[in-house]
Amino acid sequence: MNSMDGAEPNVAPGQASPAAEQPAWTPERQHRLLWWKEALIVAAFYAVYSWTRNLFGSNKIAADGIPDQAFTNAERVIQFERWLGLFHEETVQDWFLPYRTFIQFWNIYYGVLHFAVTLGVFILLYVKRADVFPQWRNTLAAMTSLAIVGFAWFPLMPPRLLDKPCPAVDPSQYGGACIPSRFRGTGGFGFVDTLAEYGGPWSFDSDAMASISNQYAAMPSLHIGWSTWCAIAVWPLLSRRRTKAVLLLYPAATLFCIVVTANHYWLDGVGGLLAFGIGSLLGWGLHRWNQGRLDRQYAEALTSASA
C-alpha cells in the first residue's frame, strides 16, 4: 500500500529514515567561491604592494638623489651573471633594436598582455576549475607575497636604468649614471629603455606611471612567475598537443620579452621561477589544510545529526 502524502516512507526495522541521515544544516564541504571576495583579495594585494612601494620602492630610495642600494644590487647580479657566463642581456637586446616594430610589439607584450593574460586565466580557473581554483589562487597570492618581500629586501635597478640620469641630476629619472662602476664600459652599459625610446602603451618616464610603480621591483620577476603560473594552471584544460606546446611557449616568450626590453636580468627570471615553486608549495599546503578543515566540519555535522 502506498504511503500517504507527508508520511514517512517505509524503512526496515532499526534503519534510520533518509530524513534523519542528513542534518538540517551542514557546512560546505567544498570551498565556496564568491567573486566579490576574490576581488577584495586582489585589492588587498595591490594595497600591500603600494604600501611597500612607498616604504621601500623607487620613490623612497631615490629621495636622496642617489639610489646606491638599487645600483649596488645590480652590480651584484651582474657580477654573479658574469661568473656564470650569463651576462649577455645587452647583446641579445642589441640584435633586435634595429627592428622598431618588433620591439614595439614586445613593449606592448610587457605592459599589457602580461597583466591581461594573468587576469584572464584567473577568471577562467574561477569558472572552469572551481574545484582547484582556491589552490591556484593561493599559489598566486603566495608567489606575489614572496615577490613583494623580495622587492623590499633586495631593490634592484633594472638594466634599462643603469645609464639613465640619477634623481639628483634629473628628479624625474631613477637611473644610476652618476654612480661609478667597474662594470661600466666607456660607452656605458649599453642598454636601451625601449618603452621610453621606441614607444609603447605607457612609459616609466611618465609621472603617472612613476607614481604607481616601483622602478626597482625587478627581483624576482613576476612576469616570469605569473606566466609560469598561467601555463601550468591552464594545462589540464587543454587536450591537443599543439595547443599545449603553444602554452609552454608563453613563459619562454615572456623571458625573451623581459630581456629584450631591458627590464630584467636573466637571474630575475630564475628568481621568478623560485617564487613560483615556493608559492606552489604554500598554495597547495594552504588548500589542503582548508579542505581538511571543511571535511572535519562536515563529518562532525553528520555525526551530530545521527546521534
C-alpha atoms as a PDB file:
ATOM      1  CA  MET A   1       0.000   0.000   0.000  1.00  0.00           C
ATOM      2  CA  ASN A   2       1.357   3.400  -0.957  1.00  0.00           C
ATOM      3  CA  SER A   3       2.131   5.836   1.834  1.00  0.00           C
ATOM      4  CA  MET A   4       0.049   8.975   2.142  1.00  0.00           C
ATOM      5  CA  ASP A   5       1.443  12.392   1.203  1.00  0.00           C
ATOM      6  CA  GLY A   6       3.591  13.777   4.026  1.00  0.00           C
ATOM      7  CA  ALA A   7       4.010  10.390   5.740  1.00  0.00           C
ATOM      8  CA  GLU A   8       7.417   8.865   6.440  1.00  0.00           C
ATOM      9  CA  PRO A   9       8.465   6.318   3.766  1.00  0.00           C
ATOM     10  CA  ASN A  10       8.694   2.672   4.763  1.00  0.00           C
ATOM     11  CA  VAL A  11      12.084   1.739   6.230  1.00  0.00           C
ATOM     12  CA  ALA A  12      13.497  -1.500   7.548  1.00  0.00           C
ATOM     13  CA  PRO A  13      13.426  -2.050  11.315  1.00  0.00           C
ATOM     14  CA  GLY A  14      16.417  -0.377  13.011  1.00  0.00           C
ATOM     15  CA  GLN A  15      17.286   1.674   9.904  1.00  0.00           C
ATOM     16  CA  ALA A  16      17.281   5.447  10.143  1.00  0.00           C
ATOM     17  CA  SER A  17      14.982   7.268   7.791  1.00  0.00           C
ATOM     18  CA  PRO A  18      16.584   9.231   4.941  1.00  0.00           C
ATOM     19  CA  ALA A  19      15.448  12.459   6.558  1.00  0.00           C
ATOM     20  CA  ALA A  20      17.400  11.568   9.685  1.00  0.00           C
ATOM     21  CA  GLU A  21      20.600  10.753   7.807  1.00  0.00           C
ATOM     22  CA  GLN A  22      21.292  14.395   6.909  1.00  0.00           C
ATOM     23  CA  PRO A  23      21.365  17.215   9.457  1.00  0.00           C
ATOM     24  CA  ALA A  24      19.103  20.211   8.993  1.00  0.00           C
ATOM     25  CA  TRP A  25      22.265  22.204   8.234  1.00  0.00           C
ATOM     26  CA  THR A  26      25.701  21.091   7.195  1.00  0.00           C
ATOM     27  CA  PRO A  27      28.711  23.247   6.443  1.00  0.00           C
ATOM     28  CA  GLU A  28      30.062  23.480   2.921  1.00  0.00           C
ATOM     29  CA  ARG A  29      32.300  20.531   2.112  1.00  0.00           C
ATOM     30  CA  GLN A  30      33.899  22.399  -0.767  1.00  0.00           C
ATOM     31  CA  HIS A  31      35.351  25.860  -0.617  1.00  0.00           C
ATOM     32  CA  ARG A  32      32.616  28.297  -1.576  1.00  0.00           C
ATOM     33  CA  LEU A  33      33.698  30.761  -4.253  1.00  0.00           C
ATOM     34  CA  LEU A  34      32.455  34.321  -4.042  1.00  0.00           C
ATOM     35  CA  TRP A  35      33.524  36.703  -6.785  1.00  0.00           C
ATOM     36  CA  TRP A  36      33.458  39.739  -4.507  1.00  0.00           C
ATOM     37  CA  LYS A  37      35.781  38.021  -2.031  1.00  0.00           C
ATOM     38  CA  GLU A  38      38.267  37.273  -4.793  1.00  0.00           C
ATOM     39  CA  ALA A  39      38.070  40.914  -5.893  1.00  0.00           C
ATOM     40  CA  LEU A  40      38.787  42.011  -2.320  1.00  0.00           C
ATOM     41  CA  ILE A  41      41.849  39.746  -2.216  1.00  0.00           C
ATOM     42  CA  VAL A  42      43.196  41.339  -5.394  1.00  0.00           C
ATOM     43  CA  ALA A  43      42.536  44.825  -3.999  1.00  0.00           C
ATOM     44  CA  ALA A  44      44.267  43.911  -0.732  1.00  0.00           C
ATOM     45  CA  PHE A  45      47.379  42.761  -2.565  1.00  0.00           C
ATOM     46  CA  TYR A  46      47.524  45.982  -4.539  1.00  0.00           C
ATOM     47  CA  ALA A  47      47.228  47.924  -1.279  1.00  0.00           C
ATOM     48  CA  VAL A  48      50.134  45.950   0.218  1.00  0.00           C
ATOM     49  CA  TYR A  49      52.176  46.474  -2.945  1.00  0.00           C
ATOM     50  CA  SER A  50      51.514  50.217  -2.762  1.00  0.00           C
ATOM     51  CA  TRP A  51      52.492  50.273   0.908  1.00  0.00           C
ATOM     52  CA  THR A  52      55.800  48.513   0.291  1.00  0.00           C
ATOM     53  CA  ARG A  53      56.445  50.687  -2.766  1.00  0.00           C
ATOM     54  CA  ASN A  54      56.052  53.830  -0.689  1.00  0.00           C
ATOM     55  CA  LEU A  55      58.264  52.498   2.119  1.00  0.00           C
ATOM     56  CA  PHE A  56      60.941  50.612   0.180  1.00  0.00           C
ATOM     57  CA  GLY A  57      60.352  51.397  -3.503  1.00  0.00           C
ATOM     58  CA  SER A  58      61.962  53.672  -6.045  1.00  0.00           C
ATOM     59  CA  ASN A  59      60.334  56.859  -4.783  1.00  0.00           C
ATOM     60  CA  LYS A  60      61.702  56.231  -1.279  1.00  0.00           C
ATOM     61  CA  ILE A  61      65.150  55.001  -2.336  1.00  0.00           C
ATOM     62  CA  ALA A  62      65.687  57.847  -4.778  1.00  0.00           C
ATOM     63  CA  ALA A  63      64.650  60.503  -2.263  1.00  0.00           C
ATOM     64  CA  ASP A  64      68.282  61.401  -1.518  1.00  0.00           C
ATOM     65  CA  GLY A  65      69.043  61.701  -5.224  1.00  0.00           C
ATOM     66  CA  ILE A  66      71.437  58.737  -5.455  1.00  0.00           C
ATOM     67  CA  PRO A  67      69.928  55.209  -5.498  1.00  0.00           C
ATOM     68  CA  ASP A  68      73.066  53.487  -4.203  1.00  0.00           C
ATOM     69  CA  GLN A  69      71.312  50.399  -2.838  1.00  0.00           C
ATOM     70  CA  ALA A  70      69.469  49.534  -6.049  1.00  0.00           C
ATOM     71  CA  PHE A  71      72.584  50.145  -8.153  1.00  0.00           C
ATOM     72  CA  THR A  72      74.827  48.121  -5.835  1.00  0.00           C
ATOM     73  CA  ASN A  73      72.420  45.190  -6.027  1.00  0.00           C
ATOM     74  CA  ALA A  74      72.501  45.474  -9.822  1.00  0.00           C
ATOM     75  CA  GLU A  75      76.294  45.217  -9.710  1.00  0.00           C
ATOM     76  CA  ARG A  76      75.991  42.089  -7.566  1.00  0.00           C
ATOM     77  CA  VAL A  77      73.652  40.475 -10.086  1.00  0.00           C
ATOM     78  CA  ILE A  78      75.923  41.460 -12.972  1.00  0.00           C
ATOM     79  CA  GLN A  79      78.988  40.101 -11.184  1.00  0.00           C
ATOM     80  CA  PHE A  80      77.280  36.780 -10.476  1.00  0.00           C
ATOM     81  CA  GLU A  81      75.992  36.502 -14.039  1.00  0.00           C
ATOM     82  CA  ARG A  82      79.464  37.225 -15.394  1.00  0.00           C
ATOM     83  CA  TRP A  83      80.845  34.481 -13.174  1.00  0.00           C
ATOM     84  CA  LEU A  84      78.204  32.124 -14.588  1.00  0.00           C
ATOM     85  CA  GLY A  85      78.818  33.329 -18.132  1.00  0.00           C
ATOM     86  CA  LEU A  86      75.255  34.635 -18.447  1.00  0.00           C
ATOM     87  CA  PHE A  87      75.690  38.388 -18.675  1.00  0.00           C
ATOM     88  CA  HIS A  88      74.706  38.768 -22.321  1.00  0.00           C
ATOM     89  CA  GLU A  89      71.404  40.634 -21.984  1.00  0.00           C
ATOM     90  CA  GLU A  90      72.784  43.706 -23.770  1.00  0.00           C
ATOM     91  CA  THR A  91      73.942  41.558 -26.697  1.00  0.00           C
ATOM     92  CA  VAL A  92      70.508  39.950 -27.031  1.00  0.00           C
ATOM     93  CA  GLN A  93      68.813  43.339 -26.994  1.00  0.00           C
ATOM     94  CA  ASP A  94      71.277  44.780 -29.495  1.00  0.00           C
ATOM     95  CA  TRP A  95      70.414  42.058 -32.041  1.00  0.00           C
ATOM     96  CA  PHE A  96      66.803  43.254 -32.260  1.00  0.00           C
ATOM     97  CA  LEU A  97      66.999  47.026 -31.716  1.00  0.00           C
ATOM     98  CA  PRO A  98      67.098  47.751 -35.496  1.00  0.00           C
ATOM     99  CA  TYR A  99      63.580  46.294 -35.815  1.00  0.00           C
ATOM    100  CA  ARG A 100      61.397  49.042 -34.387  1.00  0.00           C
ATOM    101  CA  THR A 101      58.002  47.393 -34.915  1.00  0.00           C
ATOM    102  CA  PHE A 102      59.306  44.168 -33.405  1.00  0.00           C
ATOM    103  CA  ILE A 103      60.477  45.998 -30.279  1.00  0.00           C
ATOM    104  CA  GLN A 104      57.191  47.892 -30.017  1.00  0.00           C
ATOM    105  CA  PHE A 105      55.333  44.573 -30.039  1.00  0.00           C
ATOM    106  CA  TRP A 106      57.342  43.372 -27.050  1.00  0.00           C
ATOM    107  CA  ASN A 107      56.739  46.691 -25.297  1.00  0.00           C
ATOM    108  CA  ILE A 108      53.001  46.061 -25.631  1.00  0.00           C
ATOM    109  CA  TYR A 109      53.504  42.470 -24.506  1.00  0.00           C
ATOM    110  CA  TYR A 110      55.369  43.643 -21.417  1.00  0.00           C
ATOM    111  CA  GLY A 111      52.987  46.430 -20.499  1.00  0.00           C
ATOM    112  CA  VAL A 112      49.576  44.974 -21.350  1.00  0.00           C
ATOM    113  CA  LEU A 113      49.472  41.314 -22.363  1.00  0.00           C
ATOM    114  CA  HIS A 114      51.219  40.109 -19.219  1.00  0.00           C
ATOM    115  CA  PHE A 115      48.501  41.511 -16.958  1.00  0.00           C
ATOM    116  CA  ALA A 116      45.608  40.696 -19.317  1.00  0.00           C
ATOM    117  CA  VAL A 117      46.584  37.027 -19.649  1.00  0.00           C
ATOM    118  CA  THR A 118      47.023  36.592 -15.897  1.00  0.00           C
ATOM    119  CA  LEU A 119      43.621  38.147 -15.205  1.00  0.00           C
ATOM    120  CA  GLY A 120      42.051  36.059 -17.960  1.00  0.00           C
ATOM    121  CA  VAL A 121      43.479  32.823 -16.556  1.00  0.00           C
ATOM    122  CA  PHE A 122      42.347  33.826 -13.061  1.00  0.00           C
ATOM    123  CA  ILE A 123      38.764  34.213 -14.321  1.00  0.00           C
ATOM    124  CA  LEU A 124      38.986  31.039 -16.433  1.00  0.00           C
ATOM    125  CA  LEU A 125      40.040  28.989 -13.414  1.00  0.00           C
ATOM    126  CA  TYR A 126      37.219  30.509 -11.366  1.00  0.00           C
ATOM    127  CA  VAL A 127      34.692  29.399 -13.999  1.00  0.00           C
ATOM    128  CA  LYS A 128      36.162  26.136 -15.332  1.00  0.00           C
ATOM    129  CA  ARG A 129      38.225  24.701 -12.469  1.00  0.00           C
ATOM    130  CA  ALA A 130      36.317  25.718  -9.364  1.00  0.00           C
ATOM    131  CA  ASP A 131      37.472  22.578  -7.533  1.00  0.00           C
ATOM    132  CA  VAL A 132      41.125  23.637  -7.632  1.00  0.00           C
ATOM    133  CA  PHE A 133      40.681  27.389  -8.014  1.00  0.00           C
ATOM    134  CA  PRO A 134      41.450  28.060  -4.315  1.00  0.00           C
ATOM    135  CA  GLN A 135      44.749  26.196  -4.632  1.00  0.00           C
ATOM    136  CA  TRP A 136      45.841  28.205  -7.677  1.00  0.00           C
ATOM    137  CA  ARG A 137      44.588  31.456  -6.168  1.00  0.00           C
ATOM    138  CA  ASN A 138      46.583  30.702  -3.027  1.00  0.00           C
ATOM    139  CA  THR A 139      49.626  29.915  -5.172  1.00  0.00           C
ATOM    140  CA  LEU A 140      49.340  33.232  -6.993  1.00  0.00           C
ATOM    141  CA  ALA A 141      48.880  35.074  -3.707  1.00  0.00           C
ATOM    142  CA  ALA A 142      51.825  33.351  -2.017  1.00  0.00           C
ATOM    143  CA  MET A 143      54.093  33.907  -5.020  1.00  0.00           C
ATOM    144  CA  THR A 144      53.165  37.585  -5.209  1.00  0.00           C
ATOM    145  CA  SER A 145      53.725  37.962  -1.463  1.00  0.00           C
ATOM    146  CA  LEU A 146      57.199  36.472  -1.777  1.00  0.00           C
ATOM    147  CA  ALA A 147      57.921  38.858  -4.643  1.00  0.00           C
ATOM    148  CA  ILE A 148      56.809  41.865  -2.601  1.00  0.00           C
ATOM    149  CA  VAL A 149      59.199  40.792   0.160  1.00  0.00           C
ATOM    150  CA  GLY A 150      61.933  40.467  -2.455  1.00  0.00           C
ATOM    151  CA  PHE A 151      61.241  43.951  -3.797  1.00  0.00           C
ATOM    152  CA  ALA A 152      61.565  45.402  -0.295  1.00  0.00           C
ATOM    153  CA  TRP A 153      64.601  43.356   0.774  1.00  0.00           C
ATOM    154  CA  PHE A 154      66.523  43.463  -2.498  1.00  0.00           C
ATOM    155  CA  PRO A 155      65.678  46.596  -4.527  1.00  0.00           C
ATOM    156  CA  LEU A 156      67.285  46.107  -7.914  1.00  0.00           C
ATOM    157  CA  MET A 157      67.941  48.636 -10.657  1.00  0.00           C
ATOM    158  CA  PRO A 158      66.911  47.054 -13.980  1.00  0.00           C
ATOM    159  CA  PRO A 159      69.264  47.158 -16.979  1.00  0.00           C
ATOM    160  CA  ARG A 160      67.295  49.948 -18.685  1.00  0.00           C
ATOM    161  CA  LEU A 161      68.114  52.365 -15.843  1.00  0.00           C
ATOM    162  CA  LEU A 162      71.842  51.725 -15.432  1.00  0.00           C
ATOM    163  CA  ASP A 163      72.858  54.513 -17.831  1.00  0.00           C
ATOM    164  CA  LYS A 164      69.979  56.875 -17.127  1.00  0.00           C
ATOM    165  CA  PRO A 165      70.436  60.068 -15.060  1.00  0.00           C
ATOM    166  CA  CYS A 166      70.343  59.835 -11.292  1.00  0.00           C
ATOM    167  CA  PRO A 167      67.461  61.547  -9.488  1.00  0.00           C
ATOM    168  CA  ALA A 168      69.981  64.068  -8.134  1.00  0.00           C
ATOM    169  CA  VAL A 169      70.582  65.247 -11.701  1.00  0.00           C
ATOM    170  CA  ASP A 170      67.037  64.824 -13.015  1.00  0.00           C
ATOM    171  CA  PRO A 171      64.305  64.319 -10.376  1.00  0.00           C
ATOM    172  CA  SER A 172      62.086  62.628 -12.974  1.00  0.00           C
ATOM    173  CA  GLN A 173      64.644  59.848 -13.534  1.00  0.00           C
ATOM    174  CA  TYR A 174      65.653  56.843 -11.415  1.00  0.00           C
ATOM    175  CA  GLY A 175      68.912  55.839 -13.064  1.00  0.00           C
ATOM    176  CA  GLY A 176      72.446  55.221 -11.859  1.00  0.00           C
ATOM    177  CA  ALA A 177      74.597  57.062 -14.414  1.00  0.00           C
ATOM    178  CA  CYS A 178      76.136  59.226 -11.691  1.00  0.00           C
ATOM    179  CA  ILE A 179      77.399  56.202  -9.741  1.00  0.00           C
ATOM    180  CA  PRO A 180      80.887  54.915 -10.694  1.00  0.00           C
ATOM    181  CA  SER A 181      81.079  51.237 -11.614  1.00  0.00           C
ATOM    182  CA  ARG A 182      83.870  48.927 -12.663  1.00  0.00           C
ATOM    183  CA  PHE A 183      81.382  47.126 -14.905  1.00  0.00           C
ATOM    184  CA  ARG A 184      80.526  50.219 -16.949  1.00  0.00           C
ATOM    185  CA  GLY A 185      82.416  50.475 -20.223  1.00  0.00           C
ATOM    186  CA  THR A 186      83.464  53.659 -21.968  1.00  0.00           C
ATOM    187  CA  GLY A 187      80.082  53.781 -23.679  1.00  0.00           C
ATOM    188  CA  GLY A 188      78.142  52.798 -20.596  1.00  0.00           C
ATOM    189  CA  PHE A 189      76.353  49.511 -20.053  1.00  0.00           C
ATOM    190  CA  GLY A 190      74.694  49.847 -23.446  1.00  0.00           C
ATOM    191  CA  PHE A 191      71.088  49.057 -22.524  1.00  0.00           C
ATOM    192  CA  VAL A 192      68.172  50.928 -24.097  1.00  0.00           C
ATOM    193  CA  ASP A 193      64.914  51.708 -22.305  1.00  0.00           C
ATOM    194  CA  THR A 194      62.689  50.517 -25.148  1.00  0.00           C
ATOM    195  CA  LEU A 195      59.437  51.728 -23.590  1.00  0.00           C
ATOM    196  CA  ALA A 196      60.821  55.262 -23.492  1.00  0.00           C
ATOM    197  CA  GLU A 197      62.758  55.234 -26.774  1.00  0.00           C
ATOM    198  CA  TYR A 198      60.570  53.093 -29.050  1.00  0.00           C
ATOM    199  CA  GLY A 199      57.127  53.754 -27.645  1.00  0.00           C
ATOM    200  CA  GLY A 200      54.520  51.515 -26.106  1.00  0.00           C
ATOM    201  CA  PRO A 201      51.266  51.573 -24.167  1.00  0.00           C
ATOM    202  CA  TRP A 202      52.996  53.634 -21.485  1.00  0.00           C
ATOM    203  CA  SER A 203      56.433  54.606 -20.236  1.00  0.00           C
ATOM    204  CA  PHE A 204      58.029  54.554 -16.808  1.00  0.00           C
ATOM    205  CA  ASP A 205      59.170  58.107 -17.549  1.00  0.00           C
ATOM    206  CA  SER A 206      55.613  59.414 -17.272  1.00  0.00           C
ATOM    207  CA  ASP A 207      54.649  60.975 -13.956  1.00  0.00           C
ATOM    208  CA  ALA A 208      51.561  58.773 -13.698  1.00  0.00           C
ATOM    209  CA  MET A 209      53.497  55.512 -14.039  1.00  0.00           C
ATOM    210  CA  ALA A 210      56.283  56.722 -11.774  1.00  0.00           C
ATOM    211  CA  SER A 211      53.767  57.425  -9.031  1.00  0.00           C
ATOM    212  CA  ILE A 212      52.123  53.983  -9.105  1.00  0.00           C
ATOM    213  CA  SER A 213      55.110  51.755  -9.906  1.00  0.00           C
ATOM    214  CA  ASN A 214      58.258  50.621  -8.153  1.00  0.00           C
ATOM    215  CA  GLN A 215      61.110  51.150 -10.603  1.00  0.00           C
ATOM    216  CA  TYR A 216      63.356  48.796  -8.632  1.00  0.00           C
ATOM    217  CA  ALA A 217      60.912  45.865  -8.356  1.00  0.00           C
ATOM    218  CA  ALA A 218      62.985  43.559 -10.544  1.00  0.00           C
ATOM    219  CA  MET A 219      63.965  40.608  -8.324  1.00  0.00           C
ATOM    220  CA  PRO A 220      62.151  38.280  -8.619  1.00  0.00           C
ATOM    221  CA  SER A 221      60.462  38.770 -11.987  1.00  0.00           C
ATOM    222  CA  LEU A 222      56.715  38.451 -11.538  1.00  0.00           C
ATOM    223  CA  HIS A 223      56.406  38.415 -15.316  1.00  0.00           C
ATOM    224  CA  ILE A 224      58.125  35.012 -15.251  1.00  0.00           C
ATOM    225  CA  GLY A 225      56.368  33.812 -12.115  1.00  0.00           C
ATOM    226  CA  TRP A 226      52.910  34.767 -13.334  1.00  0.00           C
ATOM    227  CA  SER A 227      53.403  33.428 -16.870  1.00  0.00           C
ATOM    228  CA  THR A 228      54.557  30.070 -15.475  1.00  0.00           C
ATOM    229  CA  TRP A 229      51.543  30.043 -13.166  1.00  0.00           C
ATOM    230  CA  CYS A 230      49.250  30.678 -16.146  1.00  0.00           C
ATOM    231  CA  ALA A 231      50.755  27.887 -18.237  1.00  0.00           C
ATOM    232  CA  ILE A 232      50.674  25.194 -15.564  1.00  0.00           C
ATOM    233  CA  ALA A 233      47.243  26.122 -14.203  1.00  0.00           C
ATOM    234  CA  VAL A 234      45.594  26.013 -17.642  1.00  0.00           C
ATOM    235  CA  TRP A 235      47.422  22.858 -18.800  1.00  0.00           C
ATOM    236  CA  PRO A 236      44.709  20.346 -17.666  1.00  0.00           C
ATOM    237  CA  LEU A 237      42.057  22.248 -19.633  1.00  0.00           C
ATOM    238  CA  LEU A 238      43.813  21.617 -22.950  1.00  0.00           C
ATOM    239  CA  SER A 239      43.651  18.345 -24.870  1.00  0.00           C
ATOM    240  CA  ARG A 240      45.577  18.963 -28.076  1.00  0.00           C
ATOM    241  CA  ARG A 241      49.336  18.565 -28.019  1.00  0.00           C
ATOM    242  CA  ARG A 242      49.846  21.505 -30.340  1.00  0.00           C
ATOM    243  CA  THR A 243      47.866  23.791 -28.057  1.00  0.00           C
ATOM    244  CA  LYS A 244      49.837  22.595 -25.054  1.00  0.00           C
ATOM    245  CA  ALA A 245      53.094  23.238 -26.901  1.00  0.00           C
ATOM    246  CA  VAL A 246      51.991  26.807 -27.636  1.00  0.00           C
ATOM    247  CA  LEU A 247      51.058  27.205 -23.985  1.00  0.00           C
ATOM    248  CA  LEU A 248      54.573  26.242 -22.904  1.00  0.00           C
ATOM    249  CA  LEU A 249      55.951  28.916 -25.215  1.00  0.00           C
ATOM    250  CA  TYR A 250      54.237  31.617 -23.162  1.00  0.00           C
ATOM    251  CA  PRO A 251      56.757  31.638 -20.261  1.00  0.00           C
ATOM    252  CA  ALA A 252      59.616  31.339 -22.770  1.00  0.00           C
ATOM    253  CA  ALA A 253      58.292  34.301 -24.758  1.00  0.00           C
ATOM    254  CA  THR A 254      57.938  36.252 -21.531  1.00  0.00           C
ATOM    255  CA  LEU A 255      61.568  35.562 -20.659  1.00  0.00           C
ATOM    256  CA  PHE A 256      62.629  36.889 -24.053  1.00  0.00           C
ATOM    257  CA  CYS A 257      60.379  39.915 -23.551  1.00  0.00           C
ATOM    258  CA  ILE A 258      61.820  40.994 -20.213  1.00  0.00           C
ATOM    259  CA  VAL A 259      65.366  40.721 -21.582  1.00  0.00           C
ATOM    260  CA  VAL A 260      64.899  42.373 -24.977  1.00  0.00           C
ATOM    261  CA  THR A 261      63.120  45.325 -23.326  1.00  0.00           C
ATOM    262  CA  ALA A 262      65.921  45.593 -20.713  1.00  0.00           C
ATOM    263  CA  ASN A 263      63.501  45.344 -17.813  1.00  0.00           C
ATOM    264  CA  HIS A 264      65.181  42.346 -16.182  1.00  0.00           C
ATOM    265  CA  TYR A 265      68.327  40.259 -15.922  1.00  0.00           C
ATOM    266  CA  TRP A 266      68.360  36.511 -16.547  1.00  0.00           C
ATOM    267  CA  LEU A 267      68.631  35.914 -12.802  1.00  0.00           C
ATOM    268  CA  ASP A 268      65.410  37.830 -12.218  1.00  0.00           C
ATOM    269  CA  GLY A 269      63.705  35.116 -14.253  1.00  0.00           C
ATOM    270  CA  VAL A 270      65.301  32.437 -12.090  1.00  0.00           C
ATOM    271  CA  GLY A 271      64.009  34.306  -9.063  1.00  0.00           C
ATOM    272  CA  GLY A 272      60.529  34.309 -10.589  1.00  0.00           C
ATOM    273  CA  LEU A 273      60.629  30.537 -11.074  1.00  0.00           C
ATOM    274  CA  LEU A 274      61.809  30.087  -7.499  1.00  0.00           C
ATOM    275  CA  ALA A 275      58.982  32.283  -6.219  1.00  0.00           C
ATOM    276  CA  PHE A 276      56.521  30.210  -8.248  1.00  0.00           C
ATOM    277  CA  GLY A 277      57.913  26.950  -6.862  1.00  0.00           C
ATOM    278  CA  ILE A 278      57.732  28.062  -3.247  1.00  0.00           C
ATOM    279  CA  GLY A 279      54.368  29.713  -3.831  1.00  0.00           C
ATOM    280  CA  SER A 280      53.021  26.458  -5.291  1.00  0.00           C
ATOM    281  CA  LEU A 281      54.037  24.519  -2.193  1.00  0.00           C
ATOM    282  CA  LEU A 282      52.485  27.132   0.081  1.00  0.00           C
ATOM    283  CA  GLY A 283      49.330  27.332  -2.021  1.00  0.00           C
ATOM    284  CA  TRP A 284      48.927  23.551  -2.090  1.00  0.00           C
ATOM    285  CA  GLY A 285      49.547  23.298   1.649  1.00  0.00           C
ATOM    286  CA  LEU A 286      47.038  26.025   2.486  1.00  0.00           C
ATOM    287  CA  HIS A 287      44.422  24.484   0.194  1.00  0.00           C
ATOM    288  CA  ARG A 288      44.949  21.032   1.729  1.00  0.00           C
ATOM    289  CA  TRP A 289      44.673  22.433   5.260  1.00  0.00           C
ATOM    290  CA  ASN A 290      41.483  24.322   4.422  1.00  0.00           C
ATOM    291  CA  GLN A 291      39.926  21.304   2.710  1.00  0.00           C
ATOM    292  CA  GLY A 292      40.742  19.168   5.744  1.00  0.00           C
ATOM    293  CA  ARG A 293      39.071  21.741   7.968  1.00  0.00           C
ATOM    294  CA  LEU A 294      35.919  21.679   5.824  1.00  0.00           C
ATOM    295  CA  ASP A 295      35.883  17.863   5.802  1.00  0.00           C
ATOM    296  CA  ARG A 296      36.130  17.759   9.604  1.00  0.00           C
ATOM    297  CA  GLN A 297      33.276  20.234   9.988  1.00  0.00           C
ATOM    298  CA  TYR A 298      31.179  18.215   7.555  1.00  0.00           C
ATOM    299  CA  ALA A 299      31.893  14.934   9.366  1.00  0.00           C
ATOM    300  CA  GLU A 300      31.123  16.482  12.764  1.00  0.00           C
ATOM    301  CA  ALA A 301      27.796  17.793  11.468  1.00  0.00           C
ATOM    302  CA  LEU A 302      26.827  14.350  10.146  1.00  0.00           C
ATOM    303  CA  THR A 303      27.853  12.702  13.419  1.00  0.00           C
ATOM    304  CA  SER A 304      25.804  15.165  15.461  1.00  0.00           C
ATOM    305  CA  ALA A 305      22.768  14.630  13.254  1.00  0.00           C
ATOM    306  CA  SER A 306      22.899  10.836  13.531  1.00  0.00           C
ATOM    307  CA  ALA A 307      23.452  10.806  17.309  1.00  0.00           C
END
